[in-house]
């Protein structure tokens, strides 16, 4: 698609389709403690992807500090990243830990990932730099 081509070179999940993290509002995880779909009229381009927000206020909050609100590992499945694999994170299968949001492929994957959360986050933190380079190289 034209949108996918416009955002080539991004490690963000969904960037090839043009929209980050399936259009979920990354700020809502923090302000509402739930997964909320963003609205196309409240959008912002950041890190090679288009992000949707549920309100103008959330868009402004993200614009002021995107690293604070963007999910870890580019929104890819945190458990997959821990094991050296790239899988799309689902915007509605998530957890927040220590001020960071982690997405998972599914609710089942989320349950498995949370069983040894500290171990898996450590593994994913070590794997992500290599996987990020791999993603950038594929585009």
N, C-alpha and C. Protein backbone atom coordinates (compact mmCIF):
# COMPACT_ATOMS: atom_id res chain seq x y z
N UNK A 1 0.84 -1.19 0.00
CA UNK A 1 0.00 0.00 0.00
C UNK A 1 0.87 1.24 0.00
N UNK A 2 0.29 2.35 -0.38
CA UNK A 2 1.03 3.61 -0.36
C UNK A 2 1.41 3.99 1.07
N UNK A 3 0.50 3.76 2.01
CA UNK A 3 0.80 4.08 3.40
C UNK A 3 1.95 3.23 3.91
N UNK A 4 1.94 1.94 3.57
CA UNK A 4 3.02 1.06 4.00
C UNK A 4 4.36 1.50 3.45
N UNK A 5 4.38 1.92 2.19
CA UNK A 5 5.62 2.39 1.59
C UNK A 5 6.09 3.68 2.25
N UNK A 6 5.16 4.51 2.63
CA UNK A 6 5.52 5.79 3.25
C UNK A 6 6.23 5.58 4.58
N UNK A 7 5.92 4.47 5.26
CA UNK A 7 6.47 4.25 6.58
C UNK A 7 7.53 3.15 6.60
N UNK A 8 8.06 2.80 5.46
CA UNK A 8 9.13 1.80 5.42
C UNK A 8 10.30 2.29 6.26
N UNK A 9 11.00 1.35 6.88
CA UNK A 9 12.14 1.72 7.70
C UNK A 9 11.79 1.94 9.16
N UNK A 10 10.61 1.49 9.58
CA UNK A 10 10.19 1.65 10.97
C UNK A 10 10.13 0.30 11.67
N UNK A 11 10.61 0.23 12.92
CA UNK A 11 10.49 -1.01 13.67
C UNK A 11 9.16 -1.12 14.42
N UNK A 12 8.23 -0.21 14.20
CA UNK A 12 6.97 -0.17 14.92
C UNK A 12 6.00 -1.20 14.34
N UNK A 13 5.35 -1.98 15.21
CA UNK A 13 4.38 -2.97 14.79
C UNK A 13 3.21 -2.29 14.08
N UNK A 14 2.94 -2.75 12.87
CA UNK A 14 1.85 -2.19 12.08
C UNK A 14 2.29 -1.09 11.14
N UNK A 15 3.55 -0.65 11.22
CA UNK A 15 4.00 0.46 10.39
C UNK A 15 3.91 0.13 8.90
N UNK A 16 4.12 -1.14 8.54
CA UNK A 16 4.02 -1.52 7.13
C UNK A 16 2.62 -1.27 6.59
N UNK A 17 1.61 -1.38 7.47
CA UNK A 17 0.23 -1.10 7.09
C UNK A 17 -0.10 0.38 7.25
N UNK A 18 0.83 1.13 7.83
CA UNK A 18 0.65 2.57 8.01
C UNK A 18 0.24 2.98 9.40
N UNK A 19 -0.41 2.09 10.18
CA UNK A 19 -0.94 2.48 11.49
C UNK A 19 -0.28 1.65 12.58
N UNK A 20 0.26 2.33 13.58
CA UNK A 20 0.92 1.66 14.70
C UNK A 20 -0.10 0.95 15.59
N UNK A 21 0.31 -0.14 16.15
CA UNK A 21 -0.39 -0.95 17.15
C UNK A 21 -1.90 -1.07 16.90
N UNK A 22 -2.27 -1.38 15.66
CA UNK A 22 -3.66 -1.60 15.22
C UNK A 22 -4.59 -0.44 15.55
N UNK A 23 -4.04 0.74 15.70
CA UNK A 23 -4.88 1.91 15.94
C UNK A 23 -5.29 2.11 17.39
N UNK A 24 -4.72 1.34 18.31
CA UNK A 24 -5.03 1.56 19.73
C UNK A 24 -4.33 2.81 20.23
N UNK A 25 -4.96 3.48 21.18
CA UNK A 25 -4.43 4.71 21.77
C UNK A 25 -3.39 4.34 22.82
N UNK A 26 -2.10 4.64 22.59
CA UNK A 26 -1.06 4.25 23.55
C UNK A 26 -1.14 5.00 24.88
N UNK A 27 -1.75 6.16 24.89
CA UNK A 27 -1.86 6.96 26.12
C UNK A 27 -2.93 6.38 27.04
N UNK A 28 -3.98 5.81 26.47
CA UNK A 28 -5.08 5.28 27.27
C UNK A 28 -4.65 4.17 28.22
N UNK A 29 -3.60 3.41 27.87
CA UNK A 29 -3.12 2.38 28.79
C UNK A 29 -2.76 3.00 30.14
N UNK A 30 -2.26 4.20 30.10
CA UNK A 30 -1.82 4.89 31.33
C UNK A 30 -2.93 5.69 31.98
N UNK A 31 -3.74 6.38 31.18
CA UNK A 31 -4.75 7.28 31.75
C UNK A 31 -6.05 6.57 32.10
N UNK A 32 -6.37 5.50 31.38
CA UNK A 32 -7.63 4.79 31.61
C UNK A 32 -7.42 3.34 32.04
N UNK A 33 -6.17 2.89 32.06
CA UNK A 33 -5.81 1.53 32.42
C UNK A 33 -6.60 0.50 31.62
N UNK A 34 -6.84 0.82 30.34
CA UNK A 34 -7.50 -0.15 29.46
C UNK A 34 -7.13 0.15 28.02
N UNK A 35 -7.38 -0.85 27.16
CA UNK A 35 -7.12 -0.71 25.73
C UNK A 35 -8.29 0.05 25.10
N UNK A 36 -7.97 1.15 24.43
CA UNK A 36 -8.99 1.99 23.80
C UNK A 36 -8.57 2.23 22.35
N UNK A 37 -9.47 2.00 21.43
CA UNK A 37 -9.18 2.29 20.02
C UNK A 37 -9.08 3.80 19.83
N UNK A 38 -8.05 4.20 19.06
CA UNK A 38 -7.91 5.59 18.70
C UNK A 38 -8.82 5.94 17.55
N UNK A 39 -8.94 7.24 17.29
CA UNK A 39 -9.78 7.72 16.19
C UNK A 39 -8.88 8.34 15.14
N UNK A 40 -9.12 8.04 13.87
CA UNK A 40 -8.25 8.54 12.80
C UNK A 40 -8.10 10.06 12.78
N UNK A 41 -9.11 10.78 13.23
CA UNK A 41 -8.98 12.25 13.20
C UNK A 41 -7.97 12.78 14.23
N UNK A 42 -7.63 11.96 15.23
CA UNK A 42 -6.60 12.34 16.20
C UNK A 42 -5.37 11.48 15.91
N UNK A 43 -4.58 11.87 14.94
CA UNK A 43 -3.42 11.07 14.57
C UNK A 43 -2.16 11.90 14.58
N UNK A 44 -1.04 11.19 14.66
CA UNK A 44 0.27 11.80 14.73
C UNK A 44 1.28 10.83 14.13
N UNK A 45 2.19 11.35 13.31
CA UNK A 45 3.26 10.50 12.80
C UNK A 45 4.44 10.58 13.76
N UNK A 46 4.94 9.40 14.14
CA UNK A 46 6.11 9.33 15.01
C UNK A 46 6.84 8.02 14.74
N UNK A 47 8.13 8.06 14.67
CA UNK A 47 9.00 6.90 14.50
C UNK A 47 8.59 6.07 13.28
N UNK A 48 8.23 6.75 12.22
CA UNK A 48 7.93 6.07 10.97
C UNK A 48 6.57 5.40 10.92
N UNK A 49 5.68 5.73 11.83
CA UNK A 49 4.34 5.13 11.83
C UNK A 49 3.30 6.18 12.20
N UNK A 50 2.06 5.91 11.85
CA UNK A 50 0.94 6.77 12.18
C UNK A 50 0.26 6.22 13.43
N UNK A 51 0.10 7.06 14.44
CA UNK A 51 -0.50 6.66 15.72
C UNK A 51 -1.87 7.32 15.83
N UNK A 52 -2.85 6.57 16.35
CA UNK A 52 -4.20 7.09 16.56
C UNK A 52 -4.43 7.28 18.06
N UNK A 53 -5.23 8.28 18.40
CA UNK A 53 -5.55 8.59 19.79
C UNK A 53 -7.05 8.77 19.94
N UNK A 54 -7.54 8.56 21.14
CA UNK A 54 -8.98 8.67 21.38
C UNK A 54 -9.43 10.10 21.65
N UNK A 55 -8.47 11.00 21.86
CA UNK A 55 -8.81 12.40 22.11
C UNK A 55 -7.65 13.31 21.71
N UNK A 56 -7.97 14.59 21.52
CA UNK A 56 -6.93 15.57 21.22
C UNK A 56 -5.95 15.68 22.39
N UNK A 57 -6.45 15.54 23.61
CA UNK A 57 -5.60 15.61 24.80
C UNK A 57 -4.56 14.49 24.79
N UNK A 58 -4.99 13.27 24.45
CA UNK A 58 -4.04 12.14 24.40
C UNK A 58 -3.00 12.36 23.30
N UNK A 59 -3.44 12.89 22.17
CA UNK A 59 -2.49 13.19 21.08
C UNK A 59 -1.43 14.18 21.56
N UNK A 60 -1.85 15.21 22.28
CA UNK A 60 -0.91 16.22 22.80
C UNK A 60 0.03 15.61 23.83
N UNK A 61 -0.48 14.74 24.69
CA UNK A 61 0.36 14.09 25.71
C UNK A 61 1.43 13.23 25.04
N UNK A 62 1.04 12.48 24.02
CA UNK A 62 2.00 11.63 23.30
C UNK A 62 3.03 12.49 22.58
N UNK A 63 2.58 13.54 21.91
CA UNK A 63 3.50 14.42 21.17
C UNK A 63 4.55 15.01 22.09
N UNK A 64 4.19 15.30 23.33
CA UNK A 64 5.12 15.91 24.28
C UNK A 64 6.17 14.91 24.78
N UNK A 65 5.85 13.61 24.77
CA UNK A 65 6.78 12.61 25.31
C UNK A 65 6.45 11.22 24.76
N UNK A 66 6.68 10.99 23.46
CA UNK A 66 6.28 9.71 22.86
C UNK A 66 6.96 8.49 23.48
N UNK A 67 8.21 8.61 23.89
CA UNK A 67 8.91 7.46 24.47
C UNK A 67 8.25 6.98 25.75
N UNK A 68 7.60 7.89 26.48
CA UNK A 68 6.91 7.52 27.72
C UNK A 68 5.71 6.62 27.43
N UNK A 69 5.02 6.89 26.32
CA UNK A 69 3.74 6.21 26.05
C UNK A 69 3.83 5.06 25.05
N UNK A 70 4.80 5.08 24.15
CA UNK A 70 4.89 4.03 23.14
C UNK A 70 5.19 2.69 23.81
N UNK A 71 4.53 1.62 23.36
CA UNK A 71 4.82 0.30 23.93
C UNK A 71 6.26 -0.12 23.69
N UNK A 72 6.76 -0.94 24.57
CA UNK A 72 8.12 -1.47 24.44
C UNK A 72 8.22 -2.35 23.20
N UNK A 73 9.42 -2.49 22.69
CA UNK A 73 9.75 -3.36 21.55
C UNK A 73 8.93 -3.01 20.31
N UNK A 74 8.66 -1.73 20.13
CA UNK A 74 7.93 -1.29 18.95
C UNK A 74 6.51 -1.80 18.87
N UNK A 75 5.97 -2.27 20.00
CA UNK A 75 4.62 -2.79 20.02
C UNK A 75 4.51 -4.24 19.56
N UNK A 76 5.67 -4.88 19.34
CA UNK A 76 5.66 -6.30 18.98
C UNK A 76 5.43 -7.13 20.25
N UNK A 77 5.04 -8.38 20.07
CA UNK A 77 4.76 -9.26 21.19
C UNK A 77 5.99 -9.40 22.09
N UNK A 78 5.83 -9.01 23.36
CA UNK A 78 6.96 -9.03 24.29
C UNK A 78 7.50 -10.45 24.51
N UNK A 79 6.61 -11.44 24.55
CA UNK A 79 7.08 -12.81 24.76
C UNK A 79 7.81 -13.32 23.52
N UNK A 80 7.31 -12.99 22.35
CA UNK A 80 8.01 -13.35 21.12
C UNK A 80 9.40 -12.76 21.07
N UNK A 81 9.51 -11.47 21.40
CA UNK A 81 10.81 -10.79 21.40
C UNK A 81 11.75 -11.48 22.38
N UNK A 82 11.23 -11.88 23.54
CA UNK A 82 12.06 -12.56 24.54
C UNK A 82 12.73 -13.81 23.96
N UNK A 83 12.03 -14.48 23.05
CA UNK A 83 12.55 -15.70 22.45
C UNK A 83 13.10 -15.47 21.04
N UNK A 84 13.41 -14.21 20.73
CA UNK A 84 14.09 -13.89 19.49
C UNK A 84 13.21 -13.92 18.26
N UNK A 85 11.90 -13.78 18.43
CA UNK A 85 10.97 -13.84 17.31
C UNK A 85 10.14 -12.56 17.23
N UNK A 86 9.79 -12.19 16.00
CA UNK A 86 8.94 -11.02 15.79
C UNK A 86 7.51 -11.50 15.55
N UNK A 87 6.60 -11.03 16.38
CA UNK A 87 5.17 -11.29 16.21
C UNK A 87 4.44 -10.00 16.55
N UNK A 88 3.36 -9.76 15.85
CA UNK A 88 2.58 -8.55 16.08
C UNK A 88 2.00 -8.59 17.49
N UNK A 89 2.11 -7.47 18.19
CA UNK A 89 1.47 -7.35 19.48
C UNK A 89 0.02 -6.93 19.26
N UNK A 90 -0.88 -7.46 20.06
CA UNK A 90 -2.29 -7.08 19.97
C UNK A 90 -2.54 -5.93 20.94
N UNK A 91 -3.16 -4.88 20.44
CA UNK A 91 -3.41 -3.71 21.28
C UNK A 91 -4.27 -3.98 22.49
N UNK A 92 -5.04 -5.08 22.46
CA UNK A 92 -5.89 -5.36 23.62
C UNK A 92 -5.34 -6.47 24.52
N UNK A 93 -4.14 -6.99 24.24
CA UNK A 93 -3.47 -7.97 25.11
C UNK A 93 -2.20 -7.29 25.61
N UNK A 94 -2.26 -6.71 26.79
CA UNK A 94 -1.19 -5.83 27.25
C UNK A 94 -1.02 -5.91 28.76
N UNK A 95 0.08 -5.37 29.22
CA UNK A 95 0.31 -5.17 30.65
C UNK A 95 1.17 -3.93 30.82
N UNK A 96 1.05 -3.32 31.99
CA UNK A 96 1.89 -2.17 32.34
C UNK A 96 2.74 -2.59 33.53
N UNK A 97 4.02 -2.29 33.43
CA UNK A 97 4.94 -2.62 34.53
C UNK A 97 5.98 -1.52 34.62
N UNK A 98 6.13 -0.96 35.80
CA UNK A 98 7.14 0.06 36.05
C UNK A 98 7.06 1.22 35.05
N UNK A 99 5.83 1.64 34.73
CA UNK A 99 5.65 2.78 33.84
C UNK A 99 5.88 2.49 32.37
N UNK A 100 5.92 1.21 32.01
CA UNK A 100 6.11 0.82 30.60
C UNK A 100 4.99 -0.14 30.21
N UNK A 101 4.56 -0.03 28.95
CA UNK A 101 3.52 -0.92 28.43
C UNK A 101 4.15 -1.97 27.52
N UNK A 102 3.69 -3.21 27.68
CA UNK A 102 4.14 -4.34 26.88
C UNK A 102 2.91 -4.95 26.22
N UNK A 103 2.99 -5.18 24.92
CA UNK A 103 1.90 -5.83 24.19
C UNK A 103 2.26 -7.29 23.95
N UNK A 104 1.22 -8.11 23.76
CA UNK A 104 1.38 -9.54 23.50
C UNK A 104 0.55 -9.93 22.29
N UNK A 105 0.88 -11.04 21.67
CA UNK A 105 0.20 -11.51 20.48
C UNK A 105 -1.28 -11.81 20.76
N UNK A 106 -1.55 -12.37 21.94
CA UNK A 106 -2.92 -12.75 22.31
C UNK A 106 -3.02 -12.75 23.84
N UNK A 107 -4.23 -12.95 24.33
CA UNK A 107 -4.41 -13.03 25.79
C UNK A 107 -3.73 -14.28 26.36
N UNK A 108 -3.72 -15.38 25.60
CA UNK A 108 -3.02 -16.58 26.04
C UNK A 108 -1.52 -16.36 26.13
N UNK A 109 -0.97 -15.67 25.13
CA UNK A 109 0.46 -15.35 25.14
C UNK A 109 0.77 -14.43 26.32
N UNK A 110 -0.14 -13.48 26.58
CA UNK A 110 0.04 -12.57 27.72
C UNK A 110 0.12 -13.38 29.02
N UNK A 111 -0.78 -14.33 29.21
CA UNK A 111 -0.78 -15.16 30.42
C UNK A 111 0.54 -15.90 30.58
N UNK A 112 1.04 -16.47 29.48
CA UNK A 112 2.33 -17.19 29.53
C UNK A 112 3.47 -16.22 29.84
N UNK A 113 3.44 -15.04 29.23
CA UNK A 113 4.50 -14.06 29.43
C UNK A 113 4.56 -13.54 30.85
N UNK A 114 3.39 -13.40 31.48
CA UNK A 114 3.35 -12.84 32.84
C UNK A 114 3.75 -13.86 33.91
N UNK A 115 3.81 -15.15 33.55
CA UNK A 115 4.19 -16.17 34.54
C UNK A 115 5.60 -15.95 35.05
N UNK A 116 6.49 -15.54 34.19
CA UNK A 116 7.88 -15.24 34.59
C UNK A 116 8.24 -13.88 34.00
N UNK A 117 7.45 -12.89 34.40
CA UNK A 117 7.52 -11.56 33.79
C UNK A 117 8.92 -10.94 33.85
N UNK A 118 9.55 -10.95 34.99
CA UNK A 118 10.86 -10.32 35.12
C UNK A 118 11.88 -11.01 34.22
N UNK A 119 11.86 -12.34 34.19
CA UNK A 119 12.78 -13.10 33.33
C UNK A 119 12.52 -12.76 31.86
N UNK A 120 11.26 -12.75 31.44
CA UNK A 120 10.94 -12.51 30.04
C UNK A 120 11.28 -11.08 29.61
N UNK A 121 11.05 -10.11 30.47
CA UNK A 121 11.40 -8.73 30.12
C UNK A 121 12.91 -8.60 29.97
N UNK A 122 13.67 -9.23 30.85
CA UNK A 122 15.13 -9.21 30.73
C UNK A 122 15.60 -9.83 29.43
N UNK A 123 14.99 -10.97 29.07
CA UNK A 123 15.35 -11.64 27.81
C UNK A 123 15.00 -10.74 26.62
N UNK A 124 13.81 -10.15 26.65
CA UNK A 124 13.36 -9.30 25.54
C UNK A 124 14.23 -8.05 25.43
N UNK A 125 14.62 -7.48 26.55
CA UNK A 125 15.50 -6.31 26.52
C UNK A 125 16.83 -6.64 25.83
N UNK A 126 17.32 -7.85 26.04
CA UNK A 126 18.57 -8.27 25.39
C UNK A 126 18.37 -8.55 23.90
N UNK A 127 17.24 -9.12 23.51
CA UNK A 127 16.98 -9.51 22.12
C UNK A 127 16.56 -8.33 21.23
N UNK A 128 15.88 -7.33 21.78
CA UNK A 128 15.27 -6.28 20.97
C UNK A 128 16.25 -5.53 20.07
N UNK A 129 17.43 -5.14 20.53
CA UNK A 129 18.33 -4.41 19.61
C UNK A 129 18.63 -5.18 18.32
N UNK A 130 18.86 -6.49 18.43
CA UNK A 130 19.14 -7.31 17.25
C UNK A 130 17.89 -7.42 16.37
N UNK A 131 16.75 -7.66 16.97
CA UNK A 131 15.51 -7.79 16.20
C UNK A 131 15.12 -6.48 15.53
N UNK A 132 15.36 -5.38 16.21
CA UNK A 132 15.05 -4.07 15.64
C UNK A 132 15.89 -3.84 14.38
N UNK A 133 17.16 -4.18 14.44
CA UNK A 133 18.03 -4.05 13.26
C UNK A 133 17.55 -4.96 12.13
N UNK A 134 17.13 -6.17 12.49
CA UNK A 134 16.60 -7.11 11.49
C UNK A 134 15.35 -6.51 10.81
N UNK A 135 14.46 -5.95 11.59
CA UNK A 135 13.25 -5.34 11.03
C UNK A 135 13.60 -4.19 10.10
N UNK A 136 14.52 -3.36 10.52
CA UNK A 136 14.91 -2.22 9.69
C UNK A 136 15.56 -2.69 8.40
N UNK A 137 16.28 -3.80 8.44
CA UNK A 137 16.93 -4.34 7.26
C UNK A 137 15.98 -4.98 6.27
N UNK A 138 14.82 -5.44 6.76
CA UNK A 138 13.86 -6.12 5.89
C UNK A 138 13.02 -5.14 5.09
N UNK A 139 13.03 -3.89 5.47
CA UNK A 139 12.14 -2.93 4.81
C UNK A 139 12.81 -2.15 3.73
